[in-house]
C-alpha atoms as a PDB file:
ATOM      1  CA  UNK A   1      -2.459 136.187 118.979  1.00  0.00           C
ATOM      2  CA  UNK A   2       1.219 135.908 118.096  1.00  0.00           C
ATOM      3  CA  UNK A   3       1.602 139.679 118.287  1.00  0.00           C
ATOM      4  CA  UNK A   4       0.617 139.605 121.977  1.00  0.00           C
ATOM      5  CA  UNK A   5       3.219 136.956 122.768  1.00  0.00           C
ATOM      6  CA  UNK A   6       5.892 138.902 120.875  1.00  0.00           C
ATOM      7  CA  UNK A   7       5.029 142.118 122.707  1.00  0.00           C
ATOM      8  CA  UNK A   8       5.103 140.316 126.053  1.00  0.00           C
ATOM      9  CA  UNK A   9       8.539 138.863 125.359  1.00  0.00           C
ATOM     10  CA  UNK A  10      10.009 142.134 124.104  1.00  0.00           C
ATOM     11  CA  UNK A  11       8.626 144.506 126.746  1.00  0.00           C
ATOM     12  CA  UNK A  12      10.408 143.208 129.848  1.00  0.00           C
ATOM     13  CA  UNK A  13       7.203 142.678 131.798  1.00  0.00           C
ATOM     14  CA  UNK A  14       5.907 146.201 131.197  1.00  0.00           C
ATOM     15  CA  UNK A  15       3.073 145.116 128.925  1.00  0.00           C
ATOM     16  CA  UNK A  16       0.383 145.403 131.576  1.00  0.00           C
ATOM     17  CA  UNK A  17       1.489 148.914 132.574  1.00  0.00           C
ATOM     18  CA  UNK A  18       1.564 150.005 128.952  1.00  0.00           C
ATOM     19  CA  UNK A  19      -1.914 148.620 128.306  1.00  0.00           C
ATOM     20  CA  UNK A  20      -3.165 150.418 131.424  1.00  0.00           C
ATOM     21  CA  UNK A  21      -1.681 153.678 130.155  1.00  0.00           C
ATOM     22  CA  UNK A  22      -3.214 153.108 126.730  1.00  0.00           C
ATOM     23  CA  UNK A  23      -6.634 152.570 128.312  1.00  0.00           C
ATOM     24  CA  UNK A  24      -6.333 155.925 130.082  1.00  0.00           C
ATOM     25  CA  UNK A  25      -5.157 157.717 126.941  1.00  0.00           C
ATOM     26  CA  UNK A  26      -7.928 156.152 124.832  1.00  0.00           C
ATOM     27  CA  UNK A  27     -10.484 157.321 127.404  1.00  0.00           C
ATOM     28  CA  UNK A  28      -9.078 160.850 127.416  1.00  0.00           C
ATOM     29  CA  UNK A  29      -8.928 160.880 123.602  1.00  0.00           C
ATOM     30  CA  UNK A  30     -12.646 160.131 123.571  1.00  0.00           C
ATOM     31  CA  UNK A  31     -13.268 162.788 126.232  1.00  0.00           C
ATOM     32  CA  UNK A  32     -15.225 160.477 128.517  1.00  0.00           C
ATOM     33  CA  UNK A  33     -15.051 160.228 132.278  1.00  0.00           C
ATOM     34  CA  UNK A  34     -14.029 157.192 134.269  1.00  0.00           C
ATOM     35  CA  UNK A  35     -17.647 156.951 135.365  1.00  0.00           C
ATOM     36  CA  UNK A  36     -18.894 156.857 131.773  1.00  0.00           C
ATOM     37  CA  UNK A  37     -16.293 154.270 130.746  1.00  0.00           C
ATOM     38  CA  UNK A  38     -17.230 152.153 133.752  1.00  0.00           C
ATOM     39  CA  UNK A  39     -20.887 152.336 132.746  1.00  0.00           C
ATOM     40  CA  UNK A  40     -20.141 151.443 129.109  1.00  0.00           C
ATOM     41  CA  UNK A  41     -17.885 148.546 130.117  1.00  0.00           C
ATOM     42  CA  UNK A  42     -20.151 147.313 132.926  1.00  0.00           C
ATOM     43  CA  UNK A  43     -17.364 147.823 135.478  1.00  0.00           C
ATOM     44  CA  UNK A  44     -17.090 149.988 138.567  1.00  0.00           C
ATOM     45  CA  UNK A  45     -15.488 153.435 138.510  1.00  0.00           C
ATOM     46  CA  UNK A  46     -12.908 152.388 141.147  1.00  0.00           C
ATOM     47  CA  UNK A  47     -11.934 149.446 138.918  1.00  0.00           C
ATOM     48  CA  UNK A  48     -11.280 151.796 136.003  1.00  0.00           C
ATOM     49  CA  UNK A  49      -9.206 154.042 138.273  1.00  0.00           C
ATOM     50  CA  UNK A  50      -7.047 151.234 139.616  1.00  0.00           C
ATOM     51  CA  UNK A  51      -6.462 149.941 136.087  1.00  0.00           C
ATOM     52  CA  UNK A  52      -5.517 153.369 134.756  1.00  0.00           C
ATOM     53  CA  UNK A  53      -3.044 153.840 137.618  1.00  0.00           C
ATOM     54  CA  UNK A  54      -1.635 150.360 136.841  1.00  0.00           C
ATOM     55  CA  UNK A  55      -2.272 149.268 140.413  1.00  0.00           C
ATOM     56  CA  UNK A  56      -3.775 146.047 139.076  1.00  0.00           C
ATOM     57  CA  UNK A  57      -3.313 144.098 135.866  1.00  0.00           C
ATOM     58  CA  UNK A  58      -6.633 143.864 134.052  1.00  0.00           C
ATOM     59  CA  UNK A  59      -7.887 140.418 133.151  1.00  0.00           C
ATOM     60  CA  UNK A  60      -8.486 139.438 129.558  1.00  0.00           C
ATOM     61  CA  UNK A  61     -12.222 139.686 130.215  1.00  0.00           C
ATOM     62  CA  UNK A  62     -11.856 143.220 131.590  1.00  0.00           C
ATOM     63  CA  UNK A  63      -9.725 144.309 128.642  1.00  0.00           C
ATOM     64  CA  UNK A  64     -12.371 142.880 126.313  1.00  0.00           C
ATOM     65  CA  UNK A  65     -15.120 144.856 128.090  1.00  0.00           C
ATOM     66  CA  UNK A  66     -13.110 148.064 127.876  1.00  0.00           C
ATOM     67  CA  UNK A  67     -12.254 147.454 124.216  1.00  0.00           C
ATOM     68  CA  UNK A  68     -15.945 146.973 123.443  1.00  0.00           C
ATOM     69  CA  UNK A  69     -16.774 150.183 125.318  1.00  0.00           C
ATOM     70  CA  UNK A  70     -14.250 151.995 123.100  1.00  0.00           C
ATOM     71  CA  UNK A  71     -15.686 150.283 120.000  1.00  0.00           C
ATOM     72  CA  UNK A  72     -12.314 148.613 119.450  1.00  0.00           C
ATOM     73  CA  UNK A  73     -11.281 145.026 119.147  1.00  0.00           C
ATOM     74  CA  UNK A  74      -9.302 143.368 121.920  1.00  0.00           C
ATOM     75  CA  UNK A  75      -6.226 143.255 119.680  1.00  0.00           C
ATOM     76  CA  UNK A  76      -6.502 146.950 118.816  1.00  0.00           C
ATOM     77  CA  UNK A  77      -6.523 147.848 122.489  1.00  0.00           C
ATOM     78  CA  UNK A  78      -3.587 145.665 123.473  1.00  0.00           C
ATOM     79  CA  UNK A  79      -1.494 146.550 120.427  1.00  0.00           C
ATOM     80  CA  UNK A  80       0.976 149.026 121.871  1.00  0.00           C
ATOM     81  CA  UNK A  81       3.371 148.797 118.914  1.00  0.00           C
ATOM     82  CA  UNK A  82       1.676 151.645 117.033  1.00  0.00           C
ATOM     83  CA  UNK A  83       0.682 153.706 120.038  1.00  0.00           C
ATOM     84  CA  UNK A  84       2.774 156.568 121.345  1.00  0.00           C
ATOM     85  CA  UNK A  85       3.211 156.001 125.068  1.00  0.00           C
END
């Protein structure tokens, strides 16, 4: 959990936007549609779209659902230190 706090402190408030971008890139990497991700994560397609456009900051619960849909852990999804944005 310390890694999340460190990233939050060192990213000037851009953490949420970077996580949103990573969600989109992970979805595209897996070649799945927003509709399919929404189904896998038990969310709506419009919710996925607003998250990917960084119009909203996803809750911890939503990030967890998306991570599970990607077969990732929560920490893997929010770890933007090793992800090329």
